[in-house]
Every structure is written in structure tokens, then in C-alpha cells.
Amino acid sequence: MSGLTIFSDKEPQQALWQSHDAQAIQQQLAQIGVRFERWQADCELGDHPQPEAVIAAYQHEIDRLVAEKGYQSWDVISMRPDNAQREALREKFLAEHTHGEDEVRFFVEGRGLFCLHLEGKIFQILCERNDLLSVPANTRHWFDMGSAPNFTAIRVFDNPQGWVAQFTGDQIADAYPRLD
């Protein structure tokens, strides 16, 4: 179940607000300029969907985002527990960073934890199947895919280069809860 937990960026031990209600999550995130939506697939994709099938199932939603925001490219990323690179990738994504463009992710299956650092708070968004999250450009954040990652997501980009991060060097991510 999708969830949002808000912490102070000074006190990681105590949540200020928490909900698993999609509408409440959407309202909280909209206040800080973060887009959160629920999408539904038009067809069954199976346990290990192929990128072409994933794109085909959600092309109408991708087209809507492209028309609205001018995004230029998209792809599909899948991560499984047996991926030899999983630990190195997890550590890389756990380092606080920003992007010069929006970070748009739609979870086709599985889950991941996006953590946004803004306005003196940490917003931890547990994204699961059917969740779309769009983190605005230049927002400090990190992503936890867990120690045994198992997800497929569509990534949408403003530029054809794809994922380009500027790491902040701040170790704040180490103080907050991680994905089991």
C-alpha cells in the first residue's frame, strides 16, 4: 500500500504526519509541488513484463505527460533481487542528489521509497504498483529500492541523456528509515 511519512529534517525518530490514503498523499505532496497519481494498466503484463509491453500498456498516459510537460524520452527499468549490481546501485541512489529536470517514475510492479528533502522536512513516499511520482527539478532527494529490489518502473525524462544526478554530499539519508 502506498504511503507518505513526513519527518522534520532535524528529528528522524519521530514522524510528523503519516497516511496510506492516496488522496491524502496527493494533497500533501501537491502543497510542495510534487505530483502523485494512480494509473491503471489497460492489459495484464505478467510477472516479468517486457519493456515493449510496459510502454504499450501505458503509452496513452505517457503521451498525456509528454503533451502537458514536453518530456522528450522514456524507458523502462527493472530491478530484481538477483541483480549483481543491486548493492552498488542501492548505495548510489541512497546518496542525496538533485536533477536539473523533473524525476518522473511510474511503478508498474513492486515498490520503492523516494525521500524528498525540502522546506525543513523529509517526505518519504512509498511508491507501489500503479503510483506515478514526479519530483520537481532541483529537489534534494534519494531513493531506496531495498536490499532485495523487485520492481519495474517507467522513467520519463526532459532530456535524451536520461538520469543525470548532482550529488549534494550530505549524509542525511543515513539518519532516516530505509525500505525493508
Protein backbone atom coordinates (compact mmCIF):
# COMPACT_ATOMS: atom_id res chain seq x y z
CA MET A 1 0.00 0.00 0.00
CA SER A 2 1.36 3.41 -0.97
CA GLY A 3 2.30 5.66 1.91
CA LEU A 4 3.66 9.05 2.91
CA THR A 5 5.52 9.79 6.11
CA ILE A 6 6.73 13.30 6.89
CA PHE A 7 9.62 13.96 9.30
CA SER A 8 11.48 17.06 10.42
CA ASP A 9 14.91 17.18 8.79
CA LYS A 10 16.29 17.52 12.34
CA GLU A 11 14.43 14.65 14.09
CA PRO A 12 14.37 11.40 12.11
CA GLN A 13 13.00 9.37 15.02
CA GLN A 14 9.52 10.92 15.11
CA ALA A 15 7.05 11.18 12.23
CA LEU A 16 5.10 14.43 11.99
CA TRP A 17 2.41 13.02 9.67
CA GLN A 18 1.64 9.67 8.05
CA SER A 19 -1.02 8.26 5.71
CA HIS A 20 -1.72 5.41 3.30
CA ASP A 21 -4.70 7.19 1.73
CA ALA A 22 -3.89 8.05 -1.89
CA GLN A 23 -5.99 11.21 -1.88
CA ALA A 24 -4.41 12.49 1.35
CA ILE A 25 -0.94 11.69 -0.04
CA GLN A 26 -1.74 13.54 -3.26
CA GLN A 27 -2.97 16.60 -1.33
CA GLN A 28 0.08 16.75 0.95
CA LEU A 29 2.52 16.39 -1.95
CA ALA A 30 0.69 18.92 -4.14
CA GLN A 31 1.39 21.54 -1.44
CA ILE A 32 5.13 21.16 -2.13
CA GLY A 33 4.80 20.94 -5.94
CA VAL A 34 5.15 17.14 -6.17
CA ARG A 35 2.82 15.25 -8.47
CA PHE A 36 1.35 11.95 -7.26
CA GLU A 37 -1.21 10.00 -9.29
CA ARG A 38 -2.61 6.49 -9.57
CA TRP A 39 -2.65 4.94 -13.08
CA GLN A 40 -4.23 1.69 -14.24
CA ALA A 41 -2.91 -0.61 -16.98
CA ASP A 42 -5.13 -1.48 -19.93
CA CYS A 43 -3.85 -5.07 -20.02
CA GLU A 44 -2.28 -7.77 -17.84
CA LEU A 45 1.53 -7.58 -18.02
CA GLY A 46 2.55 -10.78 -16.23
CA ASP A 47 5.22 -11.37 -13.59
CA HIS A 48 8.24 -10.16 -15.58
CA PRO A 49 6.90 -7.69 -18.13
CA GLN A 50 8.99 -6.87 -21.17
CA PRO A 51 9.78 -3.16 -21.74
CA GLU A 52 7.81 -3.07 -25.01
CA ALA A 53 4.68 -4.44 -23.30
CA VAL A 54 5.04 -1.97 -20.43
CA ILE A 55 5.31 1.01 -22.77
CA ALA A 56 2.38 -0.22 -24.89
CA ALA A 57 0.15 -0.61 -21.80
CA TYR A 58 0.83 2.95 -20.61
CA GLN A 59 1.53 4.79 -23.88
CA HIS A 60 -1.67 6.85 -23.57
CA GLU A 61 -0.59 8.10 -20.11
CA ILE A 62 2.97 8.78 -21.33
CA ASP A 63 1.55 10.72 -24.28
CA ARG A 64 -0.54 12.80 -21.87
CA LEU A 65 2.56 13.69 -19.83
CA VAL A 66 4.56 14.49 -22.97
CA ALA A 67 1.79 16.80 -24.26
CA GLU A 68 1.48 18.50 -20.86
CA LYS A 69 5.14 18.86 -19.84
CA GLY A 70 7.17 18.41 -23.05
CA TYR A 71 9.12 15.35 -21.90
CA GLN A 72 11.46 14.02 -24.58
CA SER A 73 12.23 10.41 -23.73
CA TRP A 74 11.18 7.46 -21.59
CA ASP A 75 12.33 3.96 -20.81
CA VAL A 76 11.64 1.01 -18.53
CA ILE A 77 13.86 -0.04 -15.64
CA SER A 78 13.55 -3.37 -13.86
CA MET A 79 15.48 -4.50 -10.83
CA ARG A 80 15.40 -7.97 -9.31
CA PRO A 81 16.94 -9.40 -6.11
CA ASP A 82 19.44 -11.46 -8.13
CA ASN A 83 20.93 -8.42 -9.94
CA ALA A 84 24.69 -8.48 -9.34
CA GLN A 85 24.77 -4.65 -9.27
CA ARG A 86 21.93 -4.22 -6.75
CA GLU A 87 24.09 -3.26 -3.73
CA ALA A 88 26.20 -0.73 -5.65
CA LEU A 89 23.11 0.79 -7.28
CA ARG A 90 21.30 0.98 -3.96
CA GLU A 91 24.20 2.87 -2.38
CA LYS A 92 24.37 5.25 -5.35
CA PHE A 93 20.64 6.06 -5.22
CA LEU A 94 20.72 6.40 -1.41
CA ALA A 95 23.10 9.35 -1.69
CA GLU A 96 21.19 12.64 -1.59
CA HIS A 97 21.18 14.28 -5.03
CA THR A 98 19.28 16.60 -7.35
CA HIS A 99 18.49 16.61 -11.05
CA GLY A 100 18.26 19.55 -13.43
CA GLU A 101 14.94 18.11 -14.61
CA ASP A 102 11.85 16.53 -13.09
CA GLU A 103 12.32 12.94 -11.92
CA VAL A 104 9.22 11.12 -13.13
CA ARG A 105 8.64 7.48 -12.18
CA PHE A 106 5.66 5.20 -12.63
CA PHE A 107 5.71 1.88 -10.78
CA VAL A 108 4.35 -0.93 -12.93
CA GLU A 109 5.14 -3.52 -10.26
CA GLY A 110 7.00 -3.73 -6.98
CA ARG A 111 7.90 -0.78 -4.81
CA GLY A 112 10.48 1.86 -3.94
CA LEU A 113 10.92 4.60 -1.34
CA PHE A 114 11.50 8.17 -2.54
CA CYS A 115 12.73 10.58 0.12
CA LEU A 116 12.47 14.31 -0.58
CA HIS A 117 14.36 16.90 1.47
CA LEU A 118 12.69 20.29 1.30
CA GLU A 119 11.15 23.02 3.45
CA GLY A 120 12.93 21.68 6.56
CA LYS A 121 11.24 18.31 6.21
CA ILE A 122 11.80 14.81 4.84
CA PHE A 123 8.91 13.43 2.82
CA GLN A 124 9.18 9.64 2.49
CA ILE A 125 6.90 8.37 -0.26
CA LEU A 126 6.44 4.62 -0.55
CA CYS A 127 5.55 4.08 -4.20
CA GLU A 128 3.97 0.81 -5.24
CA ARG A 129 2.23 -0.63 -8.28
CA ASN A 130 0.18 1.99 -10.20
CA ASP A 131 1.86 5.00 -8.49
CA LEU A 132 3.20 7.90 -10.54
CA LEU A 133 5.54 10.32 -8.78
CA SER A 134 7.04 13.44 -10.32
CA VAL A 135 9.75 15.11 -8.24
CA PRO A 136 10.39 18.70 -9.42
CA ALA A 137 13.80 19.63 -10.83
CA ASN A 138 16.45 20.64 -8.28
CA THR A 139 14.68 18.94 -5.34
CA ARG A 140 17.12 17.29 -2.93
CA HIS A 141 16.19 13.62 -2.63
CA TRP A 142 17.30 9.98 -2.51
CA PHE A 143 15.74 6.67 -3.49
CA ASP A 144 15.77 3.35 -1.66
CA MET A 145 14.97 0.23 -3.66
CA GLY A 146 15.57 -2.05 -0.66
CA SER A 147 18.13 -4.79 -0.09
CA ALA A 148 16.20 -7.23 -2.31
CA PRO A 149 14.84 -4.90 -5.02
CA ASN A 150 11.95 -6.15 -7.10
CA PHE A 151 10.31 -3.51 -9.27
CA THR A 152 9.58 -2.37 -12.80
CA ALA A 153 9.09 1.33 -13.47
CA ILE A 154 8.71 3.68 -16.39
CA ARG A 155 11.13 6.60 -16.28
CA VAL A 156 10.24 9.80 -18.15
CA PHE A 157 12.88 12.45 -18.95
CA ASP A 158 13.15 16.08 -20.11
CA ASN A 159 16.34 15.27 -21.98
CA PRO A 160 17.55 12.37 -24.12
CA GLN A 161 20.55 11.74 -21.81
CA GLY A 162 18.30 10.20 -19.16
CA TRP A 163 19.27 10.00 -15.47
CA VAL A 164 21.90 12.64 -14.60
CA ALA A 165 22.45 13.37 -10.88
CA GLN A 166 24.27 16.10 -8.98
CA PHE A 167 25.20 14.65 -5.57
CA THR A 168 24.98 17.03 -2.60
CA GLY A 169 27.49 15.25 -0.35
CA ASP A 170 25.03 15.49 2.56
CA GLN A 171 24.78 12.24 4.58
CA ILE A 172 21.22 12.99 5.78
CA ALA A 173 19.81 9.83 4.15
CA ASP A 174 21.72 7.71 6.68
CA ALA A 175 19.57 9.04 9.54
CA TYR A 176 16.14 8.10 8.15
CA PRO A 177 14.28 4.78 7.89
CA ARG A 178 15.05 2.62 4.88
CA LEU A 179 12.97 0.23 2.87
CA ASP A 180 12.98 -3.30 4.32
